[in-house]
Structure formats: C-alpha cells, structure tokens
mmCIF file of all heavy atoms, coordinates in Angstrom:
data_MODEL
# 
_entry.id   MODEL 
# 
loop_
_atom_site.group_PDB 
_atom_site.id 
_atom_site.type_symbol 
_atom_site.label_atom_id 
_atom_site.label_alt_id 
_atom_site.label_comp_id 
_atom_site.label_asym_id 
_atom_site.label_entity_id 
_atom_site.label_seq_id 
_atom_site.pdbx_PDB_ins_code 
_atom_site.Cartn_x 
_atom_site.Cartn_y 
_atom_site.Cartn_z 
_atom_site.occupancy 
_atom_site.B_iso_or_equiv 
_atom_site.pdbx_formal_charge 
_atom_site.auth_seq_id 
_atom_site.auth_comp_id 
_atom_site.auth_asym_id 
_atom_site.auth_atom_id 
_atom_site.pdbx_PDB_model_num 
ATOM 1   N N   . ALA A 1 1  ? 96.238  94.495  93.087  1.00 0.00 ? 1  ALA A N   1 
ATOM 2   C CA  . ALA A 1 1  ? 97.370  95.135  93.878  1.00 0.00 ? 1  ALA A CA  1 
ATOM 3   C C   . ALA A 1 1  ? 96.885  95.983  94.854  1.00 0.00 ? 1  ALA A C   1 
ATOM 4   O O   . ALA A 1 1  ? 97.468  96.104  96.083  1.00 0.00 ? 1  ALA A O   1 
ATOM 5   C CB  . ALA A 1 1  ? 98.389  95.766  92.897  1.00 0.00 ? 1  ALA A CB  1 
ATOM 6   N N   . VAL A 1 2  ? 96.049  97.004  94.564  1.00 0.00 ? 2  VAL A N   1 
ATOM 7   C CA  . VAL A 1 2  ? 95.547  97.967  95.431  1.00 0.00 ? 2  VAL A CA  1 
ATOM 8   C C   . VAL A 1 2  ? 94.748  97.361  96.612  1.00 0.00 ? 2  VAL A C   1 
ATOM 9   O O   . VAL A 1 2  ? 94.838  97.692  97.784  1.00 0.00 ? 2  VAL A O   1 
ATOM 10  C CB  . VAL A 1 2  ? 94.650  99.035  94.730  1.00 0.00 ? 2  VAL A CB  1 
ATOM 11  C CG1 . VAL A 1 2  ? 93.831  99.910  95.566  1.00 0.00 ? 2  VAL A CG1 1 
ATOM 12  C CG2 . VAL A 1 2  ? 95.442  99.841  93.710  1.00 0.00 ? 2  VAL A CG2 1 
ATOM 13  N N   . SER A 1 3  ? 93.939  96.420  96.250  1.00 0.00 ? 3  SER A N   1 
ATOM 14  C CA  . SER A 1 3  ? 93.220  95.686  97.235  1.00 0.00 ? 3  SER A CA  1 
ATOM 15  C C   . SER A 1 3  ? 94.090  94.971  98.188  1.00 0.00 ? 3  SER A C   1 
ATOM 16  O O   . SER A 1 3  ? 93.843  94.937  99.471  1.00 0.00 ? 3  SER A O   1 
ATOM 17  C CB  . SER A 1 3  ? 92.177  94.622  96.609  1.00 0.00 ? 3  SER A CB  1 
ATOM 18  O OG  . SER A 1 3  ? 91.321  95.265  95.849  1.00 0.00 ? 3  SER A OG  1 
ATOM 19  N N   . ALA A 1 4  ? 95.155  94.233  97.676  1.00 0.00 ? 4  ALA A N   1 
ATOM 20  C CA  . ALA A 1 4  ? 96.144  93.512  98.603  1.00 0.00 ? 4  ALA A CA  1 
ATOM 21  C C   . ALA A 1 4  ? 96.855  94.472  99.590  1.00 0.00 ? 4  ALA A C   1 
ATOM 22  O O   . ALA A 1 4  ? 97.029  94.248  100.725 1.00 0.00 ? 4  ALA A O   1 
ATOM 23  C CB  . ALA A 1 4  ? 97.090  92.830  97.699  1.00 0.00 ? 4  ALA A CB  1 
ATOM 24  N N   . THR A 1 5  ? 97.218  95.680  98.953  1.00 0.00 ? 5  THR A N   1 
ATOM 25  C CA  . THR A 1 5  ? 97.844  96.674  99.776  1.00 0.00 ? 5  THR A CA  1 
ATOM 26  C C   . THR A 1 5  ? 96.966  97.229  100.842 1.00 0.00 ? 5  THR A C   1 
ATOM 27  O O   . THR A 1 5  ? 97.365  97.373  102.027 1.00 0.00 ? 5  THR A O   1 
ATOM 28  C CB  . THR A 1 5  ? 98.488  97.819  98.921  1.00 0.00 ? 5  THR A CB  1 
ATOM 29  O OG1 . THR A 1 5  ? 99.238  97.213  97.915  1.00 0.00 ? 5  THR A OG1 1 
ATOM 30  C CG2 . THR A 1 5  ? 99.254  98.837  99.750  1.00 0.00 ? 5  THR A CG2 1 
ATOM 31  N N   . ALA A 1 6  ? 95.727  97.456  100.514 1.00 0.00 ? 6  ALA A N   1 
ATOM 32  C CA  . ALA A 1 6  ? 94.720  98.028  101.478 1.00 0.00 ? 6  ALA A CA  1 
ATOM 33  C C   . ALA A 1 6  ? 94.473  97.049  102.542 1.00 0.00 ? 6  ALA A C   1 
ATOM 34  O O   . ALA A 1 6  ? 94.424  97.394  103.742 1.00 0.00 ? 6  ALA A O   1 
ATOM 35  C CB  . ALA A 1 6  ? 93.416  98.368  100.735 1.00 0.00 ? 6  ALA A CB  1 
ATOM 36  N N   . ARG A 1 7  ? 94.374  95.755  102.244 1.00 0.00 ? 7  ARG A N   1 
ATOM 37  C CA  . ARG A 1 7  ? 94.083  94.791  103.212 1.00 0.00 ? 7  ARG A CA  1 
ATOM 38  C C   . ARG A 1 7  ? 95.306  94.643  104.155 1.00 0.00 ? 7  ARG A C   1 
ATOM 39  O O   . ARG A 1 7  ? 95.155  94.451  105.407 1.00 0.00 ? 7  ARG A O   1 
ATOM 40  C CB  . ARG A 1 7  ? 93.812  93.457  102.558 1.00 0.00 ? 7  ARG A CB  1 
ATOM 41  C CG  . ARG A 1 7  ? 93.657  92.271  103.470 1.00 0.00 ? 7  ARG A CG  1 
ATOM 42  C CD  . ARG A 1 7  ? 93.526  90.952  102.834 1.00 0.00 ? 7  ARG A CD  1 
ATOM 43  N NE  . ARG A 1 7  ? 93.437  89.788  103.702 1.00 0.00 ? 7  ARG A NE  1 
ATOM 44  C CZ  . ARG A 1 7  ? 92.464  89.314  104.331 1.00 0.00 ? 7  ARG A CZ  1 
ATOM 45  N NH1 . ARG A 1 7  ? 91.201  89.918  104.101 1.00 0.00 ? 7  ARG A NH1 1 
ATOM 46  N NH2 . ARG A 1 7  ? 92.442  88.316  105.084 1.00 0.00 ? 7  ARG A NH2 1 
ATOM 47  N N   . LYS A 1 8  ? 96.531  94.695  103.596 1.00 0.00 ? 8  LYS A N   1 
ATOM 48  C CA  . LYS A 1 8  ? 97.678  94.522  104.505 1.00 0.00 ? 8  LYS A CA  1 
ATOM 49  C C   . LYS A 1 8  ? 97.826  95.769  105.491 1.00 0.00 ? 8  LYS A C   1 
ATOM 50  O O   . LYS A 1 8  ? 98.130  95.609  106.698 1.00 0.00 ? 8  LYS A O   1 
ATOM 51  C CB  . LYS A 1 8  ? 98.952  94.610  103.591 1.00 0.00 ? 8  LYS A CB  1 
ATOM 52  C CG  . LYS A 1 8  ? 100.206 94.156  104.312 1.00 0.00 ? 8  LYS A CG  1 
ATOM 53  C CD  . LYS A 1 8  ? 101.333 93.951  103.345 1.00 0.00 ? 8  LYS A CD  1 
ATOM 54  C CE  . LYS A 1 8  ? 102.490 93.305  103.997 1.00 0.00 ? 8  LYS A CE  1 
ATOM 55  N NZ  . LYS A 1 8  ? 103.518 92.798  103.126 1.00 0.00 ? 8  LYS A NZ  1 
ATOM 56  N N   . LEU A 1 9  ? 97.522  96.858  104.943 1.00 0.00 ? 9  LEU A N   1 
ATOM 57  C CA  . LEU A 1 9  ? 97.598  98.170  105.881 1.00 0.00 ? 9  LEU A CA  1 
ATOM 58  C C   . LEU A 1 9  ? 96.437  98.019  106.879 1.00 0.00 ? 9  LEU A C   1 
ATOM 59  O O   . LEU A 1 9  ? 96.656  98.441  108.137 1.00 0.00 ? 9  LEU A O   1 
ATOM 60  C CB  . LEU A 1 9  ? 97.425  99.366  105.061 1.00 0.00 ? 9  LEU A CB  1 
ATOM 61  C CG  . LEU A 1 9  ? 98.526  99.915  104.288 1.00 0.00 ? 9  LEU A CG  1 
ATOM 62  C CD1 . LEU A 1 9  ? 98.227  101.048 103.337 1.00 0.00 ? 9  LEU A CD1 1 
ATOM 63  C CD2 . LEU A 1 9  ? 99.670  100.281 105.160 1.00 0.00 ? 9  LEU A CD2 1 
ATOM 64  N N   . ALA A 1 10 ? 95.308  97.608  106.475 1.00 0.00 ? 10 ALA A N   1 
ATOM 65  C CA  . ALA A 1 10 ? 94.158  97.382  107.503 1.00 0.00 ? 10 ALA A CA  1 
ATOM 66  C C   . ALA A 1 10 ? 94.427  96.415  108.652 1.00 0.00 ? 10 ALA A C   1 
ATOM 67  O O   . ALA A 1 10 ? 94.239  96.662  109.756 1.00 0.00 ? 10 ALA A O   1 
ATOM 68  C CB  . ALA A 1 10 ? 92.880  97.028  106.698 1.00 0.00 ? 10 ALA A CB  1 
ATOM 69  N N   . THR A 1 11 ? 95.113  95.337  108.229 1.00 0.00 ? 11 THR A N   1 
ATOM 70  C CA  . THR A 1 11 ? 95.559  94.384  109.168 1.00 0.00 ? 11 THR A CA  1 
ATOM 71  C C   . THR A 1 11 ? 96.540  94.916  110.111 1.00 0.00 ? 11 THR A C   1 
ATOM 72  O O   . THR A 1 11 ? 96.521  94.677  111.306 1.00 0.00 ? 11 THR A O   1 
ATOM 73  C CB  . THR A 1 11 ? 96.115  93.157  108.433 1.00 0.00 ? 11 THR A CB  1 
ATOM 74  O OG1 . THR A 1 11 ? 95.136  92.617  107.501 1.00 0.00 ? 11 THR A OG1 1 
ATOM 75  C CG2 . THR A 1 11 ? 96.523  92.018  109.477 1.00 0.00 ? 11 THR A CG2 1 
ATOM 76  N N   . ILE A 1 12 ? 97.549  95.649  109.592 1.00 0.00 ? 12 ILE A N   1 
ATOM 77  C CA  . ILE A 1 12 ? 98.579  96.257  110.451 1.00 0.00 ? 12 ILE A CA  1 
ATOM 78  C C   . ILE A 1 12 ? 97.919  97.264  111.401 1.00 0.00 ? 12 ILE A C   1 
ATOM 79  O O   . ILE A 1 12 ? 98.115  97.190  112.730 1.00 0.00 ? 12 ILE A O   1 
ATOM 80  C CB  . ILE A 1 12 ? 99.695  96.984  109.626 1.00 0.00 ? 12 ILE A CB  1 
ATOM 81  C CG1 . ILE A 1 12 ? 100.483 95.929  108.927 1.00 0.00 ? 12 ILE A CG1 1 
ATOM 82  C CG2 . ILE A 1 12 ? 100.515 97.824  110.459 1.00 0.00 ? 12 ILE A CG2 1 
ATOM 83  C CD1 . ILE A 1 12 ? 101.417 96.458  107.728 1.00 0.00 ? 12 ILE A CD1 1 
ATOM 84  N N   . LEU A 1 13 ? 97.013  98.111  110.974 1.00 0.00 ? 13 LEU A N   1 
ATOM 85  C CA  . LEU A 1 13 ? 96.360  99.067  111.703 1.00 0.00 ? 13 LEU A CA  1 
ATOM 86  C C   . LEU A 1 13 ? 95.482  98.439  112.775 1.00 0.00 ? 13 LEU A C   1 
ATOM 87  O O   . LEU A 1 13 ? 95.478  98.798  113.971 1.00 0.00 ? 13 LEU A O   1 
ATOM 88  C CB  . LEU A 1 13 ? 95.551  100.034 110.913 1.00 0.00 ? 13 LEU A CB  1 
ATOM 89  C CG  . LEU A 1 13 ? 96.494  101.058 109.965 1.00 0.00 ? 13 LEU A CG  1 
ATOM 90  C CD1 . LEU A 1 13 ? 95.521  101.785 109.193 1.00 0.00 ? 13 LEU A CD1 1 
ATOM 91  C CD2 . LEU A 1 13 ? 97.291  101.918 110.939 1.00 0.00 ? 13 LEU A CD2 1 
ATOM 92  N N   . TRP A 1 14 ? 94.765  97.430  112.433 1.00 0.00 ? 14 TRP A N   1 
ATOM 93  C CA  . TRP A 1 14 ? 93.899  96.668  113.383 1.00 0.00 ? 14 TRP A CA  1 
ATOM 94  C C   . TRP A 1 14 ? 94.737  96.045  114.530 1.00 0.00 ? 14 TRP A C   1 
ATOM 95  O O   . TRP A 1 14 ? 94.339  96.200  115.646 1.00 0.00 ? 14 TRP A O   1 
ATOM 96  C CB  . TRP A 1 14 ? 93.161  95.564  112.596 1.00 0.00 ? 14 TRP A CB  1 
ATOM 97  C CG  . TRP A 1 14 ? 92.358  94.613  113.563 1.00 0.00 ? 14 TRP A CG  1 
ATOM 98  C CD1 . TRP A 1 14 ? 92.706  93.604  114.153 1.00 0.00 ? 14 TRP A CD1 1 
ATOM 99  C CD2 . TRP A 1 14 ? 90.999  94.960  113.895 1.00 0.00 ? 14 TRP A CD2 1 
ATOM 100 N NE1 . TRP A 1 14 ? 91.699  93.086  114.916 1.00 0.00 ? 14 TRP A NE1 1 
ATOM 101 C CE2 . TRP A 1 14 ? 90.517  93.841  114.682 1.00 0.00 ? 14 TRP A CE2 1 
ATOM 102 C CE3 . TRP A 1 14 ? 90.004  95.932  113.541 1.00 0.00 ? 14 TRP A CE3 1 
ATOM 103 C CZ2 . TRP A 1 14 ? 89.318  93.739  115.280 1.00 0.00 ? 14 TRP A CZ2 1 
ATOM 104 C CZ3 . TRP A 1 14 ? 88.785  95.838  114.099 1.00 0.00 ? 14 TRP A CZ3 1 
ATOM 105 C CH2 . TRP A 1 14 ? 88.450  94.738  115.026 1.00 0.00 ? 14 TRP A CH2 1 
ATOM 106 N N   . ASN A 1 15 ? 95.804  95.452  114.158 1.00 0.00 ? 15 ASN A N   1 
ATOM 107 C CA  . ASN A 1 15 ? 96.679  94.834  115.121 1.00 0.00 ? 15 ASN A CA  1 
ATOM 108 C C   . ASN A 1 15 ? 97.399  95.841  116.120 1.00 0.00 ? 15 ASN A C   1 
ATOM 109 O O   . ASN A 1 15 ? 97.400  95.632  117.272 1.00 0.00 ? 15 ASN A O   1 
ATOM 110 C CB  . ASN A 1 15 ? 97.800  94.002  114.513 1.00 0.00 ? 15 ASN A CB  1 
ATOM 111 C CG  . ASN A 1 15 ? 97.297  92.694  113.928 1.00 0.00 ? 15 ASN A CG  1 
ATOM 112 O OD1 . ASN A 1 15 ? 96.189  92.225  114.375 1.00 0.00 ? 15 ASN A OD1 1 
ATOM 113 N ND2 . ASN A 1 15 ? 97.881  92.090  112.946 1.00 0.00 ? 15 ASN A ND2 1 
ATOM 114 N N   . MET A 1 16 ? 97.644  97.017  115.598 1.00 0.00 ? 16 MET A N   1 
ATOM 115 C CA  . MET A 1 16 ? 98.230  98.063  116.347 1.00 0.00 ? 16 MET A CA  1 
ATOM 116 C C   . MET A 1 16 ? 97.243  98.628  117.269 1.00 0.00 ? 16 MET A C   1 
ATOM 117 O O   . MET A 1 16 ? 97.430  99.004  118.505 1.00 0.00 ? 16 MET A O   1 
ATOM 118 C CB  . MET A 1 16 ? 98.789  99.189  115.390 1.00 0.00 ? 16 MET A CB  1 
ATOM 119 C CG  . MET A 1 16 ? 100.163 98.814  114.786 1.00 0.00 ? 16 MET A CG  1 
ATOM 120 S SD  . MET A 1 16 ? 100.760 99.984  113.553 1.00 0.00 ? 16 MET A SD  1 
ATOM 121 C CE  . MET A 1 16 ? 101.133 101.311 114.775 1.00 0.00 ? 16 MET A CE  1 
ATOM 122 N N   . HIS A 1 17 ? 96.038  98.925  116.894 1.00 0.00 ? 17 HIS A N   1 
ATOM 123 C CA  . HIS A 1 17 ? 94.987  99.597  117.726 1.00 0.00 ? 17 HIS A CA  1 
ATOM 124 C C   . HIS A 1 17 ? 94.338  98.564  118.699 1.00 0.00 ? 17 HIS A C   1 
ATOM 125 O O   . HIS A 1 17 ? 94.230  98.854  119.854 1.00 0.00 ? 17 HIS A O   1 
ATOM 126 C CB  . HIS A 1 17 ? 93.918  100.174 116.764 1.00 0.00 ? 17 HIS A CB  1 
ATOM 127 C CG  . HIS A 1 17 ? 92.911  100.930 117.532 1.00 0.00 ? 17 HIS A CG  1 
ATOM 128 N ND1 . HIS A 1 17 ? 93.171  102.130 118.156 1.00 0.00 ? 17 HIS A ND1 1 
ATOM 129 C CD2 . HIS A 1 17 ? 91.566  100.667 117.833 1.00 0.00 ? 17 HIS A CD2 1 
ATOM 130 C CE1 . HIS A 1 17 ? 92.140  102.595 118.719 1.00 0.00 ? 17 HIS A CE1 1 
ATOM 131 N NE2 . HIS A 1 17 ? 91.178  101.739 118.472 1.00 0.00 ? 17 HIS A NE2 1 
ATOM 132 N N   . TYR A 1 18 ? 93.763  97.455  118.182 1.00 0.00 ? 18 TYR A N   1 
ATOM 133 C CA  . TYR A 1 18 ? 93.079  96.592  119.109 1.00 0.00 ? 18 TYR A CA  1 
ATOM 134 C C   . TYR A 1 18 ? 93.855  95.649  119.906 1.00 0.00 ? 18 TYR A C   1 
ATOM 135 O O   . TYR A 1 18 ? 93.431  95.127  120.908 1.00 0.00 ? 18 TYR A O   1 
ATOM 136 C CB  . TYR A 1 18 ? 92.009  95.942  118.307 1.00 0.00 ? 18 TYR A CB  1 
ATOM 137 C CG  . TYR A 1 18 ? 90.785  96.827  117.795 1.00 0.00 ? 18 TYR A CG  1 
ATOM 138 C CD1 . TYR A 1 18 ? 90.832  97.308  116.454 1.00 0.00 ? 18 TYR A CD1 1 
ATOM 139 C CD2 . TYR A 1 18 ? 89.934  97.257  118.741 1.00 0.00 ? 18 TYR A CD2 1 
ATOM 140 C CE1 . TYR A 1 18 ? 89.796  98.177  116.044 1.00 0.00 ? 18 TYR A CE1 1 
ATOM 141 C CE2 . TYR A 1 18 ? 88.945  98.134  118.291 1.00 0.00 ? 18 TYR A CE2 1 
ATOM 142 C CZ  . TYR A 1 18 ? 88.938  98.679  117.001 1.00 0.00 ? 18 TYR A CZ  1 
ATOM 143 O OH  . TYR A 1 18 ? 87.971  99.463  116.533 1.00 0.00 ? 18 TYR A OH  1 
ATOM 144 N N   . LYS A 1 19 ? 95.021  95.261  119.349 1.00 0.00 ? 19 LYS A N   1 
ATOM 145 C CA  . LYS A 1 19 ? 95.837  94.252  120.164 1.00 0.00 ? 19 LYS A CA  1 
ATOM 146 C C   . LYS A 1 19 ? 96.976  94.971  120.783 1.00 0.00 ? 19 LYS A C   1 
ATOM 147 O O   . LYS A 1 19 ? 97.935  94.237  121.373 1.00 0.00 ? 19 LYS A O   1 
ATOM 148 C CB  . LYS A 1 19 ? 96.382  93.181  119.117 1.00 0.00 ? 19 LYS A CB  1 
ATOM 149 C CG  . LYS A 1 19 ? 95.280  92.312  118.617 1.00 0.00 ? 19 LYS A CG  1 
ATOM 150 C CD  . LYS A 1 19 ? 95.815  91.180  117.656 1.00 0.00 ? 19 LYS A CD  1 
ATOM 151 C CE  . LYS A 1 19 ? 94.788  90.347  117.072 1.00 0.00 ? 19 LYS A CE  1 
ATOM 152 N NZ  . LYS A 1 19 ? 95.337  89.252  116.227 1.00 0.00 ? 19 LYS A NZ  1 
ATOM 153 N N   . ASN A 1 20 ? 97.165  96.236  120.555 1.00 0.00 ? 20 ASN A N   1 
ATOM 154 C CA  . ASN A 1 20 ? 98.191  96.959  121.232 1.00 0.00 ? 20 ASN A CA  1 
ATOM 155 C C   . ASN A 1 20 ? 99.626  96.461  120.866 1.00 0.00 ? 20 ASN A C   1 
ATOM 156 O O   . ASN A 1 20 ? 100.521 96.389  121.736 1.00 0.00 ? 20 ASN A O   1 
ATOM 157 C CB  . ASN A 1 20 ? 98.065  97.140  122.708 1.00 0.00 ? 20 ASN A CB  1 
ATOM 158 C CG  . ASN A 1 20 ? 96.794  97.841  123.045 1.00 0.00 ? 20 ASN A CG  1 
ATOM 159 O OD1 . ASN A 1 20 ? 96.575  98.883  122.486 1.00 0.00 ? 20 ASN A OD1 1 
ATOM 160 N ND2 . ASN A 1 20 ? 96.128  97.507  124.193 1.00 0.00 ? 20 ASN A ND2 1 
ATOM 161 N N   . GLN A 1 21 ? 99.826  96.205  119.600 1.00 0.00 ? 21 GLN A N   1 
ATOM 162 C CA  . GLN A 1 21 ? 100.979 95.609  119.145 1.00 0.00 ? 21 GLN A CA  1 
ATOM 163 C C   . GLN A 1 21 ? 101.772 96.806  118.445 1.00 0.00 ? 21 GLN A C   1 
ATOM 164 O O   . GLN A 1 21 ? 101.069 97.542  117.749 1.00 0.00 ? 21 GLN A O   1 
ATOM 165 C CB  . GLN A 1 21 ? 100.841 94.532  118.135 1.00 0.00 ? 21 GLN A CB  1 
ATOM 166 C CG  . GLN A 1 21 ? 100.306 93.220  118.817 1.00 0.00 ? 21 GLN A CG  1 
ATOM 167 C CD  . GLN A 1 21 ? 100.055 92.097  117.811 1.00 0.00 ? 21 GLN A CD  1 
ATOM 168 O OE1 . GLN A 1 21 ? 100.158 92.322  116.618 1.00 0.00 ? 21 GLN A OE1 1 
ATOM 169 N NE2 . GLN A 1 21 ? 99.734  90.950  118.322 1.00 0.00 ? 21 GLN A NE2 1 
ATOM 170 N N   . HIS A 1 22 ? 103.078 96.804  118.523 1.00 0.00 ? 22 HIS A N   1 
ATOM 171 C CA  . HIS A 1 22 ? 103.856 97.773  117.761 1.00 0.00 ? 22 HIS A CA  1 
ATOM 172 C C   . HIS A 1 22 ? 104.073 97.225  116.305 1.00 0.00 ? 22 HIS A C   1 
ATOM 173 O O   . HIS A 1 22 ? 104.150 95.952  116.228 1.00 0.00 ? 22 HIS A O   1 
ATOM 174 C CB  . HIS A 1 22 ? 105.141 98.075  118.489 1.00 0.00 ? 22 HIS A CB  1 
ATOM 175 C CG  . HIS A 1 22 ? 104.887 98.732  119.760 1.00 0.00 ? 22 HIS A CG  1 
ATOM 176 N ND1 . HIS A 1 22 ? 104.541 100.169 119.923 1.00 0.00 ? 22 HIS A ND1 1 
ATOM 177 C CD2 . HIS A 1 22 ? 105.088 98.383  121.036 1.00 0.00 ? 22 HIS A CD2 1 
ATOM 178 C CE1 . HIS A 1 22 ? 104.551 100.490 121.130 1.00 0.00 ? 22 HIS A CE1 1 
ATOM 179 N NE2 . HIS A 1 22 ? 104.792 99.349  121.903 1.00 0.00 ? 22 HIS A NE2 1 
ATOM 180 N N   . TYR A 1 23 ? 104.245 98.176  115.405 1.00 0.00 ? 23 TYR A N   1 
ATOM 181 C CA  . TYR A 1 23 ? 104.529 97.615  114.104 1.00 0.00 ? 23 TYR A CA  1 
ATOM 182 C C   . TYR A 1 23 ? 105.987 97.168  114.069 1.00 0.00 ? 23 TYR A C   1 
ATOM 183 O O   . TYR A 1 23 ? 106.852 97.826  114.318 1.00 0.00 ? 23 TYR A O   1 
ATOM 184 C CB  . TYR A 1 23 ? 104.282 98.715  113.093 1.00 0.00 ? 23 TYR A CB  1 
ATOM 185 C CG  . TYR A 1 23 ? 104.751 98.314  111.624 1.00 0.00 ? 23 TYR A CG  1 
ATOM 186 C CD1 . TYR A 1 23 ? 104.037 97.363  111.001 1.00 0.00 ? 23 TYR A CD1 1 
ATOM 187 C CD2 . TYR A 1 23 ? 105.685 98.996  110.875 1.00 0.00 ? 23 TYR A CD2 1 
ATOM 188 C CE1 . TYR A 1 23 ? 104.487 96.857  109.749 1.00 0.00 ? 23 TYR A CE1 1 
ATOM 189 C CE2 . TYR A 1 23 ? 106.145 98.616  109.619 1.00 0.00 ? 23 TYR A CE2 1 
ATOM 190 C CZ  . TYR A 1 23 ? 105.338 97.569  109.058 1.00 0.00 ? 23 TYR A CZ  1 
ATOM 191 O OH  . TYR A 1 23 ? 105.665 97.172  107.777 1.00 0.00 ? 23 TYR A OH  1 
ATOM 192 N N   . ASN A 1 24 ? 106.216 95.948  113.631 1.00 0.00 ? 24 ASN A N   1 
ATOM 193 C CA  . ASN A 1 24 ? 107.466 95.330  113.503 1.00 0.00 ? 24 ASN A CA  1 
ATOM 194 C C   . ASN A 1 24 ? 107.612 94.809  112.148 1.00 0.00 ? 24 ASN A C   1 
ATOM 195 O O   . ASN A 1 24 ? 107.379 93.702  111.802 1.00 0.00 ? 24 ASN A O   1 
ATOM 196 C CB  . ASN A 1 24 ? 107.549 94.154  114.509 1.00 0.00 ? 24 ASN A CB  1 
ATOM 197 C CG  . ASN A 1 24 ? 108.958 93.700  114.610 1.00 0.00 ? 24 ASN A CG  1 
ATOM 198 O OD1 . ASN A 1 24 ? 109.909 94.311  114.186 1.00 0.00 ? 24 ASN A OD1 1 
ATOM 199 N ND2 . ASN A 1 24 ? 109.103 92.495  115.241 1.00 0.00 ? 24 ASN A ND2 1 
# 
C-alpha cells in the first residue's frame, strides 16, 4: 500500500513538473 501510494504521488508530481500539467 505504501509503495502504491508513493508511486501514485511520484507520477502526479512528475506530470505536474515535467509536462506542465495541473493536478486534476
């Protein structure tokens, strides 16, 4: 569960930073 949550957060942050996407 911790690994899945960390991966999800990392994906969201990656998309926000490198793809300039807003969190939706």
